[in-house]
Amino acid sequence: MAARRASSQHLVTRRLVTRYSHVALVDPAHTFRTCNRCGHAGARSRRTRDPFTCTRCGHAAHADIGAAINIRDRARQPADG
């Protein structure tokens, strides 16, 4: 399974680089439970599948949208940071 995933990732990356010239691989760990406004990560912020409400700042959004924003922001960070 891991080999298939790596092969698929390589194929997709190659196609994207051909079209867009840059691909950033991002670790998606905890992006689904991290607030994209204040950065607080807490398991209690996402008690069910779709809604996300930050337990620190109160920001509410669909969990998938917040996770996508977090992944985008991680991709924009410098490689050493």
Protein backbone atom coordinates (compact mmCIF):
# COMPACT_ATOMS: atom_id res chain seq x y z
CA MET A 1 0.00 0.00 0.00
CA ALA A 2 2.80 2.45 0.87
CA ALA A 3 4.59 1.72 -2.40
CA ARG A 4 1.40 2.38 -4.36
CA ARG A 5 0.86 5.66 -2.50
CA ALA A 6 4.47 6.74 -3.15
CA SER A 7 4.13 5.85 -6.84
CA SER A 8 0.88 7.79 -7.14
CA GLN A 9 2.40 10.76 -5.31
CA HIS A 10 5.39 10.73 -7.68
CA LEU A 11 3.14 10.63 -10.75
CA VAL A 12 0.92 13.47 -9.52
CA THR A 13 3.95 15.55 -8.49
CA ARG A 14 5.58 15.07 -11.88
CA ARG A 15 2.43 16.14 -13.70
CA LEU A 16 1.95 19.19 -11.50
CA VAL A 17 5.57 20.30 -11.88
CA THR A 18 5.22 19.98 -15.65
CA ARG A 19 2.19 22.25 -15.59
CA TYR A 20 2.88 24.65 -12.71
CA SER A 21 6.68 24.42 -12.14
CA HIS A 22 6.43 24.08 -8.33
CA VAL A 23 4.91 21.60 -5.91
CA ALA A 24 5.17 21.82 -2.13
CA LEU A 25 4.79 18.61 -0.16
CA VAL A 26 3.21 19.38 3.20
CA ASP A 27 2.75 17.24 6.30
CA PRO A 28 -1.03 17.38 6.88
CA ALA A 29 -0.75 16.28 10.53
CA HIS A 30 -3.22 18.06 12.81
CA THR A 31 -4.41 20.48 10.11
CA PHE A 32 -7.99 19.32 10.71
CA ARG A 33 -7.93 20.38 14.37
CA THR A 34 -5.83 23.55 14.11
CA CYS A 35 -7.57 26.93 13.94
CA ASN A 36 -6.61 28.77 10.77
CA ARG A 37 -7.17 32.11 12.52
CA CYS A 38 -5.24 31.84 15.81
CA GLY A 39 -3.20 28.64 15.27
CA HIS A 40 -4.50 26.85 18.36
CA ALA A 41 -4.59 23.05 17.95
CA GLY A 42 -7.04 21.18 20.10
CA ALA A 43 -8.96 17.94 19.73
CA ARG A 44 -12.01 19.48 21.42
CA SER A 45 -12.31 22.07 18.65
CA ARG A 46 -13.67 19.36 16.37
CA ARG A 47 -16.06 17.08 18.20
CA THR A 48 -17.87 15.79 15.10
CA ARG A 49 -16.99 15.32 11.44
CA ASP A 50 -17.72 18.64 9.70
CA PRO A 51 -18.04 21.60 12.07
CA PHE A 52 -14.95 23.19 13.60
CA THR A 53 -15.14 25.72 16.44
CA CYS A 54 -11.89 26.90 18.00
CA THR A 55 -11.88 26.51 21.77
CA ARG A 56 -9.50 29.48 22.10
CA CYS A 57 -10.80 32.23 19.78
CA GLY A 58 -14.27 30.90 18.86
CA HIS A 59 -13.67 30.91 15.08
CA ALA A 60 -16.16 28.58 13.39
CA ALA A 61 -15.85 27.02 9.92
CA HIS A 62 -16.23 23.77 8.03
CA ALA A 63 -13.35 21.54 9.18
CA ASP A 64 -12.27 20.63 5.63
CA ILE A 65 -12.05 24.29 4.60
CA GLY A 66 -9.97 25.14 7.67
CA ALA A 67 -7.66 22.18 7.05
CA ALA A 68 -7.18 23.23 3.41
CA ILE A 69 -6.25 26.75 4.51
CA ASN A 70 -3.78 25.33 7.04
CA ILE A 71 -2.16 23.14 4.37
CA ARG A 72 -1.93 26.13 2.01
CA ASP A 73 -0.31 28.22 4.74
CA ARG A 74 2.19 25.48 5.57
CA ALA A 75 3.13 25.26 1.90
CA ARG A 76 3.84 28.99 1.85
CA GLN A 77 6.22 28.82 4.82
CA PRO A 78 9.97 28.85 4.14
CA ALA A 79 11.53 25.37 3.98
CA ASP A 80 13.57 25.95 7.15
CA GLY A 81 10.62 27.32 9.15
